[in-house]
Amino acid sequence: LPRDTLLVLEDRVQLPRAFYEWPTARILTDDDAALDVLAAILASDKNSRLYKRLVYDMQVVQSIRASQQSGRLASKFEIDVTPEPGQALGPIDEIIQEEIRRVMTTPVTARELARVKNSYRSAFLNRIASVHNKADILNEYNYLAGTPDFVQKDAARYEKVTAVDVQRVAQKYLGQHKVVLTVVPEGKRELMLTANGGGQ
């Protein structure tokens, strides 16, 4: 992207919602795994940075989620946030940008990294527990990696992610230009995020 792109969509909704999206690495690459870990550290559960700060501590957000949405040719890193009624997106945007800068400048903690890796390991094992899921996974690997027995290599991608890797991909991808889409209630375009924050 040559510059940040700010878009607004009016819809039949009660509250505004903002979506941040960055182009990222394609699926099954090492960067893809590190971006999954970064997403989990930023906003995955009650212990993640943005979720804890905005939902639990400040109570200004109903929901916030980060994810690496992986594709065969290209992927996108997304953060989406829905404020509580009466809360403007501008100040929330400042906190999101602050936490992104923090993860870009300071390595994540060993505890955060271990928590996310344990979570992924557990989810991975649960996913291959049934015969039906195993068949789906073999087919998926055959399509994406060209071989159905990629499972151990896939698990290894996450095991070898380090704090340095997480910081590096944050700098490499989230330090680049992004698309920001604000979905607002009909007739409320003034709630959109702008280059100066907006959403007032």
C-alpha atoms as a PDB file:
ATOM      1  CA  LEU A   1       0.000   0.000   0.000  1.00  0.00           C
ATOM      2  CA  PRO A   2       1.450   3.421  -0.909  1.00  0.00           C
ATOM      3  CA  ARG A   3      -0.303   5.138   2.026  1.00  0.00           C
ATOM      4  CA  ASP A   4      -2.783   4.531   4.830  1.00  0.00           C
ATOM      5  CA  THR A   5      -6.273   4.145   3.349  1.00  0.00           C
ATOM      6  CA  LEU A   6      -9.221   5.256   5.476  1.00  0.00           C
ATOM      7  CA  LEU A   7     -12.688   4.067   4.468  1.00  0.00           C
ATOM      8  CA  VAL A   8     -16.175   4.410   5.930  1.00  0.00           C
ATOM      9  CA  LEU A   9     -19.263   2.251   5.430  1.00  0.00           C
ATOM     10  CA  GLU A  10     -22.710   3.213   6.681  1.00  0.00           C
ATOM     11  CA  ASP A  11     -24.828   0.252   7.748  1.00  0.00           C
ATOM     12  CA  ARG A  12     -27.817  -0.668   9.889  1.00  0.00           C
ATOM     13  CA  VAL A  13     -25.804  -1.045  13.074  1.00  0.00           C
ATOM     14  CA  GLN A  14     -26.127   0.345  16.581  1.00  0.00           C
ATOM     15  CA  LEU A  15     -22.432   1.010  17.239  1.00  0.00           C
ATOM     16  CA  PRO A  16     -19.422   1.908  15.105  1.00  0.00           C
ATOM     17  CA  ARG A  17     -16.778  -0.729  14.504  1.00  0.00           C
ATOM     18  CA  ALA A  18     -13.238  -0.276  13.204  1.00  0.00           C
ATOM     19  CA  PHE A  19     -11.190  -2.754  11.180  1.00  0.00           C
ATOM     20  CA  TYR A  20      -7.413  -2.333  10.747  1.00  0.00           C
ATOM     21  CA  GLU A  21      -5.791  -4.460   8.043  1.00  0.00           C
ATOM     22  CA  TRP A  22      -2.173  -4.876   6.932  1.00  0.00           C
ATOM     23  CA  PRO A  23      -0.930  -7.042   4.007  1.00  0.00           C
ATOM     24  CA  THR A  24       1.241  -9.844   5.374  1.00  0.00           C
ATOM     25  CA  ALA A  25       3.066 -13.103   4.619  1.00  0.00           C
ATOM     26  CA  ARG A  26       1.351 -16.042   2.950  1.00  0.00           C
ATOM     27  CA  ILE A  27       0.281 -19.155   4.827  1.00  0.00           C
ATOM     28  CA  LEU A  28       2.749 -21.790   6.156  1.00  0.00           C
ATOM     29  CA  THR A  29       5.736 -19.433   6.137  1.00  0.00           C
ATOM     30  CA  ASP A  30       7.770 -18.706   9.266  1.00  0.00           C
ATOM     31  CA  ASP A  31       6.514 -15.105   9.325  1.00  0.00           C
ATOM     32  CA  ASP A  32       2.944 -16.389   9.139  1.00  0.00           C
ATOM     33  CA  ALA A  33       3.456 -18.342  12.369  1.00  0.00           C
ATOM     34  CA  ALA A  34       5.097 -15.394  14.124  1.00  0.00           C
ATOM     35  CA  LEU A  35       2.178 -13.181  13.061  1.00  0.00           C
ATOM     36  CA  ASP A  36      -0.268 -15.700  14.560  1.00  0.00           C
ATOM     37  CA  VAL A  37       1.640 -15.448  17.826  1.00  0.00           C
ATOM     38  CA  LEU A  38       1.670 -11.642  17.625  1.00  0.00           C
ATOM     39  CA  ALA A  39      -2.098 -11.593  17.096  1.00  0.00           C
ATOM     40  CA  ALA A  40      -2.646 -13.803  20.132  1.00  0.00           C
ATOM     41  CA  ILE A  41      -0.450 -11.602  22.315  1.00  0.00           C
ATOM     42  CA  LEU A  42      -2.263  -8.433  21.219  1.00  0.00           C
ATOM     43  CA  ALA A  43      -5.905  -9.526  21.375  1.00  0.00           C
ATOM     44  CA  SER A  44      -6.960 -13.142  21.780  1.00  0.00           C
ATOM     45  CA  ASP A  45      -8.225 -13.666  25.326  1.00  0.00           C
ATOM     46  CA  LYS A  46      -8.581 -11.882  28.668  1.00  0.00           C
ATOM     47  CA  ASN A  47      -4.810 -12.028  29.228  1.00  0.00           C
ATOM     48  CA  SER A  48      -3.876 -10.434  25.901  1.00  0.00           C
ATOM     49  CA  ARG A  49      -2.630  -6.866  25.931  1.00  0.00           C
ATOM     50  CA  LEU A  50      -5.385  -4.954  24.134  1.00  0.00           C
ATOM     51  CA  TYR A  51      -8.202  -7.091  25.527  1.00  0.00           C
ATOM     52  CA  LYS A  52      -7.039  -6.689  29.106  1.00  0.00           C
ATOM     53  CA  ARG A  53      -6.434  -2.957  28.787  1.00  0.00           C
ATOM     54  CA  LEU A  54      -9.512  -1.905  26.822  1.00  0.00           C
ATOM     55  CA  VAL A  55     -12.149  -4.445  27.889  1.00  0.00           C
ATOM     56  CA  TYR A  56     -11.243  -5.229  31.504  1.00  0.00           C
ATOM     57  CA  ASP A  57      -9.221  -2.312  32.838  1.00  0.00           C
ATOM     58  CA  MET A  58     -10.733   0.699  31.038  1.00  0.00           C
ATOM     59  CA  GLN A  59     -14.084  -0.902  30.104  1.00  0.00           C
ATOM     60  CA  VAL A  60     -14.402   1.250  26.964  1.00  0.00           C
ATOM     61  CA  VAL A  61     -14.617  -1.609  24.466  1.00  0.00           C
ATOM     62  CA  GLN A  62     -17.172  -4.391  24.016  1.00  0.00           C
ATOM     63  CA  SER A  63     -14.858  -6.566  21.965  1.00  0.00           C
ATOM     64  CA  ILE A  64     -11.465  -6.495  20.311  1.00  0.00           C
ATOM     65  CA  ARG A  65      -9.792  -9.221  18.294  1.00  0.00           C
ATOM     66  CA  ALA A  66      -6.547  -9.598  16.370  1.00  0.00           C
ATOM     67  CA  SER A  67      -5.871 -12.323  13.824  1.00  0.00           C
ATOM     68  CA  GLN A  68      -3.505 -13.339  11.061  1.00  0.00           C
ATOM     69  CA  GLN A  69      -5.862 -14.334   8.251  1.00  0.00           C
ATOM     70  CA  SER A  70      -3.646 -16.576   6.183  1.00  0.00           C
ATOM     71  CA  GLY A  71      -4.032 -17.295   2.484  1.00  0.00           C
ATOM     72  CA  ARG A  72      -2.179 -19.304  -0.127  1.00  0.00           C
ATOM     73  CA  LEU A  73      -1.129 -16.280  -2.194  1.00  0.00           C
ATOM     74  CA  ALA A  74      -1.309 -13.510   0.400  1.00  0.00           C
ATOM     75  CA  SER A  75      -2.592 -12.824   3.886  1.00  0.00           C
ATOM     76  CA  LYS A  76      -3.769  -9.966   6.068  1.00  0.00           C
ATOM     77  CA  PHE A  77      -3.308  -9.090   9.715  1.00  0.00           C
ATOM     78  CA  GLU A  78      -6.521  -7.701  11.157  1.00  0.00           C
ATOM     79  CA  ILE A  79      -7.562  -5.941  14.338  1.00  0.00           C
ATOM     80  CA  ASP A  80     -11.257  -5.209  14.799  1.00  0.00           C
ATOM     81  CA  VAL A  81     -12.735  -3.281  17.684  1.00  0.00           C
ATOM     82  CA  THR A  82     -16.253  -2.380  18.830  1.00  0.00           C
ATOM     83  CA  PRO A  83     -16.535   0.342  21.494  1.00  0.00           C
ATOM     84  CA  GLU A  84     -19.003   0.418  24.344  1.00  0.00           C
ATOM     85  CA  PRO A  85     -22.034   2.716  23.786  1.00  0.00           C
ATOM     86  CA  GLY A  86     -21.036   6.340  24.175  1.00  0.00           C
ATOM     87  CA  GLN A  87     -17.311   5.678  23.705  1.00  0.00           C
ATOM     88  CA  ALA A  88     -15.557   7.386  20.793  1.00  0.00           C
ATOM     89  CA  LEU A  89     -13.162   5.466  18.562  1.00  0.00           C
ATOM     90  CA  GLY A  90     -10.524   8.219  18.547  1.00  0.00           C
ATOM     91  CA  PRO A  91      -9.121   7.638  22.069  1.00  0.00           C
ATOM     92  CA  ILE A  92      -9.404   3.865  21.574  1.00  0.00           C
ATOM     93  CA  ASP A  93      -7.398   4.167  18.361  1.00  0.00           C
ATOM     94  CA  GLU A  94      -4.648   5.990  20.292  1.00  0.00           C
ATOM     95  CA  ILE A  95      -4.335   3.071  22.709  1.00  0.00           C
ATOM     96  CA  ILE A  96      -4.279   0.509  19.898  1.00  0.00           C
ATOM     97  CA  GLN A  97      -1.500   2.444  18.158  1.00  0.00           C
ATOM     98  CA  GLU A  98       0.367   2.763  21.464  1.00  0.00           C
ATOM     99  CA  GLU A  99       0.282  -0.997  22.076  1.00  0.00           C
ATOM    100  CA  ILE A 100       1.403  -1.694  18.508  1.00  0.00           C
ATOM    101  CA  ARG A 101       4.357   0.664  18.968  1.00  0.00           C
ATOM    102  CA  ARG A 102       5.196  -1.022  22.272  1.00  0.00           C
ATOM    103  CA  VAL A 103       5.340  -4.513  20.753  1.00  0.00           C
ATOM    104  CA  MET A 104       7.477  -3.102  17.919  1.00  0.00           C
ATOM    105  CA  THR A 105      10.019  -1.544  20.284  1.00  0.00           C
ATOM    106  CA  THR A 106      10.070  -3.947  23.242  1.00  0.00           C
ATOM    107  CA  PRO A 107      10.252  -7.759  22.997  1.00  0.00           C
ATOM    108  CA  VAL A 108       7.255  -9.634  24.381  1.00  0.00           C
ATOM    109  CA  THR A 109       7.810 -11.418  27.685  1.00  0.00           C
ATOM    110  CA  ALA A 110       8.791 -15.060  28.027  1.00  0.00           C
ATOM    111  CA  ARG A 111       5.532 -15.654  29.915  1.00  0.00           C
ATOM    112  CA  GLU A 112       3.422 -14.199  27.114  1.00  0.00           C
ATOM    113  CA  LEU A 113       5.250 -16.268  24.534  1.00  0.00           C
ATOM    114  CA  ALA A 114       4.904 -19.488  26.549  1.00  0.00           C
ATOM    115  CA  ARG A 115       1.194 -18.867  27.162  1.00  0.00           C
ATOM    116  CA  VAL A 116       0.483 -18.416  23.460  1.00  0.00           C
ATOM    117  CA  LYS A 117       2.593 -21.409  22.407  1.00  0.00           C
ATOM    118  CA  ASN A 118       0.852 -23.625  24.962  1.00  0.00           C
ATOM    119  CA  SER A 119      -2.512 -22.446  23.692  1.00  0.00           C
ATOM    120  CA  TYR A 120      -1.588 -23.199  20.086  1.00  0.00           C
ATOM    121  CA  ARG A 121      -0.163 -26.594  21.021  1.00  0.00           C
ATOM    122  CA  SER A 122      -3.364 -27.520  22.849  1.00  0.00           C
ATOM    123  CA  ALA A 123      -5.589 -26.329  19.995  1.00  0.00           C
ATOM    124  CA  PHE A 124      -3.437 -28.169  17.473  1.00  0.00           C
ATOM    125  CA  LEU A 125      -3.676 -31.466  19.377  1.00  0.00           C
ATOM    126  CA  ASN A 126      -7.418 -31.074  19.849  1.00  0.00           C
ATOM    127  CA  ARG A 127      -7.803 -30.409  16.145  1.00  0.00           C
ATOM    128  CA  ILE A 128      -6.193 -33.709  15.149  1.00  0.00           C
ATOM    129  CA  ALA A 129      -7.958 -35.781  17.800  1.00  0.00           C
ATOM    130  CA  SER A 130     -10.766 -37.048  15.564  1.00  0.00           C
ATOM    131  CA  VAL A 131     -10.530 -39.112  12.371  1.00  0.00           C
ATOM    132  CA  HIS A 132     -12.735 -36.604  10.529  1.00  0.00           C
ATOM    133  CA  ASN A 133     -10.492 -33.673  11.430  1.00  0.00           C
ATOM    134  CA  LYS A 134      -7.368 -35.642  10.522  1.00  0.00           C
ATOM    135  CA  ALA A 135      -8.762 -36.253   7.050  1.00  0.00           C
ATOM    136  CA  ASP A 136      -9.539 -32.545   6.633  1.00  0.00           C
ATOM    137  CA  ILE A 137      -6.056 -31.565   7.824  1.00  0.00           C
ATOM    138  CA  LEU A 138      -4.300 -34.000   5.485  1.00  0.00           C
ATOM    139  CA  ASN A 139      -6.322 -32.645   2.586  1.00  0.00           C
ATOM    140  CA  GLU A 140      -5.600 -29.063   3.623  1.00  0.00           C
ATOM    141  CA  TYR A 141      -1.847 -29.664   3.819  1.00  0.00           C
ATOM    142  CA  ASN A 142      -1.890 -31.465   0.485  1.00  0.00           C
ATOM    143  CA  TYR A 143      -3.505 -28.408  -1.101  1.00  0.00           C
ATOM    144  CA  LEU A 144      -1.456 -25.717   0.641  1.00  0.00           C
ATOM    145  CA  ALA A 145       1.960 -27.373   1.022  1.00  0.00           C
ATOM    146  CA  GLY A 146       1.834 -29.966  -1.757  1.00  0.00           C
ATOM    147  CA  THR A 147       2.176 -32.852   0.695  1.00  0.00           C
ATOM    148  CA  PRO A 148      -0.303 -34.283   3.225  1.00  0.00           C
ATOM    149  CA  ASP A 149       2.392 -35.040   5.833  1.00  0.00           C
ATOM    150  CA  PHE A 150       3.287 -31.412   6.577  1.00  0.00           C
ATOM    151  CA  VAL A 151       1.800 -31.619  10.071  1.00  0.00           C
ATOM    152  CA  GLN A 152       5.092 -31.891  11.993  1.00  0.00           C
ATOM    153  CA  LYS A 153       6.684 -29.065  10.020  1.00  0.00           C
ATOM    154  CA  ASP A 154       3.633 -26.923  10.678  1.00  0.00           C
ATOM    155  CA  ALA A 155       3.789 -27.536  14.430  1.00  0.00           C
ATOM    156  CA  ALA A 156       7.524 -26.811  14.378  1.00  0.00           C
ATOM    157  CA  ARG A 157       6.906 -23.359  12.885  1.00  0.00           C
ATOM    158  CA  TYR A 158       5.195 -22.287  16.108  1.00  0.00           C
ATOM    159  CA  GLU A 159       7.604 -24.022  18.459  1.00  0.00           C
ATOM    160  CA  LYS A 160      10.569 -22.086  17.078  1.00  0.00           C
ATOM    161  CA  VAL A 161       8.950 -18.609  17.212  1.00  0.00           C
ATOM    162  CA  THR A 162      10.960 -16.343  19.522  1.00  0.00           C
ATOM    163  CA  ALA A 163      10.315 -12.965  21.115  1.00  0.00           C
ATOM    164  CA  VAL A 164      12.701 -11.485  18.559  1.00  0.00           C
ATOM    165  CA  ASP A 165      10.592 -12.992  15.754  1.00  0.00           C
ATOM    166  CA  VAL A 166       7.414 -11.453  17.146  1.00  0.00           C
ATOM    167  CA  GLN A 167       9.037  -8.036  17.418  1.00  0.00           C
ATOM    168  CA  ARG A 168      10.504  -8.354  13.912  1.00  0.00           C
ATOM    169  CA  VAL A 169       7.202  -9.192  12.200  1.00  0.00           C
ATOM    170  CA  ALA A 170       5.457  -6.410  14.108  1.00  0.00           C
ATOM    171  CA  GLN A 171       8.004  -3.963  12.736  1.00  0.00           C
ATOM    172  CA  LYS A 172       8.019  -5.471   9.236  1.00  0.00           C
ATOM    173  CA  TYR A 173       4.266  -5.646   8.679  1.00  0.00           C
ATOM    174  CA  LEU A 174       2.449  -3.472  11.222  1.00  0.00           C
ATOM    175  CA  GLY A 175       5.008  -0.737  10.615  1.00  0.00           C
ATOM    176  CA  GLN A 176       3.771  -0.466   7.029  1.00  0.00           C
ATOM    177  CA  HIS A 177       0.716   1.279   5.595  1.00  0.00           C
ATOM    178  CA  LYS A 178      -2.708  -0.193   6.370  1.00  0.00           C
ATOM    179  CA  VAL A 179      -6.382  -0.018   5.478  1.00  0.00           C
ATOM    180  CA  VAL A 180      -8.733   1.240   8.198  1.00  0.00           C
ATOM    181  CA  LEU A 181     -12.444   0.664   7.637  1.00  0.00           C
ATOM    182  CA  THR A 182     -14.965   2.158  10.037  1.00  0.00           C
ATOM    183  CA  VAL A 183     -18.492   0.774   9.870  1.00  0.00           C
ATOM    184  CA  VAL A 184     -20.864   3.385  11.298  1.00  0.00           C
ATOM    185  CA  PRO A 185     -24.631   3.686  11.875  1.00  0.00           C
ATOM    186  CA  GLU A 186     -26.469   5.211   8.923  1.00  0.00           C
ATOM    187  CA  GLY A 187     -26.054   8.982   8.819  1.00  0.00           C
ATOM    188  CA  LYS A 188     -23.197   8.962  11.370  1.00  0.00           C
ATOM    189  CA  ARG A 189     -20.150   9.340   9.126  1.00  0.00           C
ATOM    190  CA  GLU A 190     -18.627  11.706  11.683  1.00  0.00           C
ATOM    191  CA  LEU A 191     -17.893   8.638  13.855  1.00  0.00           C
ATOM    192  CA  MET A 192     -15.335   7.282  11.391  1.00  0.00           C
ATOM    193  CA  LEU A 193     -11.635   7.116  12.189  1.00  0.00           C
ATOM    194  CA  THR A 194      -9.554   9.655  10.319  1.00  0.00           C
ATOM    195  CA  ALA A 195      -5.835  10.339   9.920  1.00  0.00           C
ATOM    196  CA  ASN A 196      -6.085  12.486  13.063  1.00  0.00           C
ATOM    197  CA  GLY A 197      -7.918   9.830  15.055  1.00  0.00           C
ATOM    198  CA  GLY A 198     -11.477  11.020  14.544  1.00  0.00           C
ATOM    199  CA  GLY A 199     -14.345   8.914  15.686  1.00  0.00           C
ATOM    200  CA  GLN A 200     -15.306  11.702  18.036  1.00  0.00           C
END
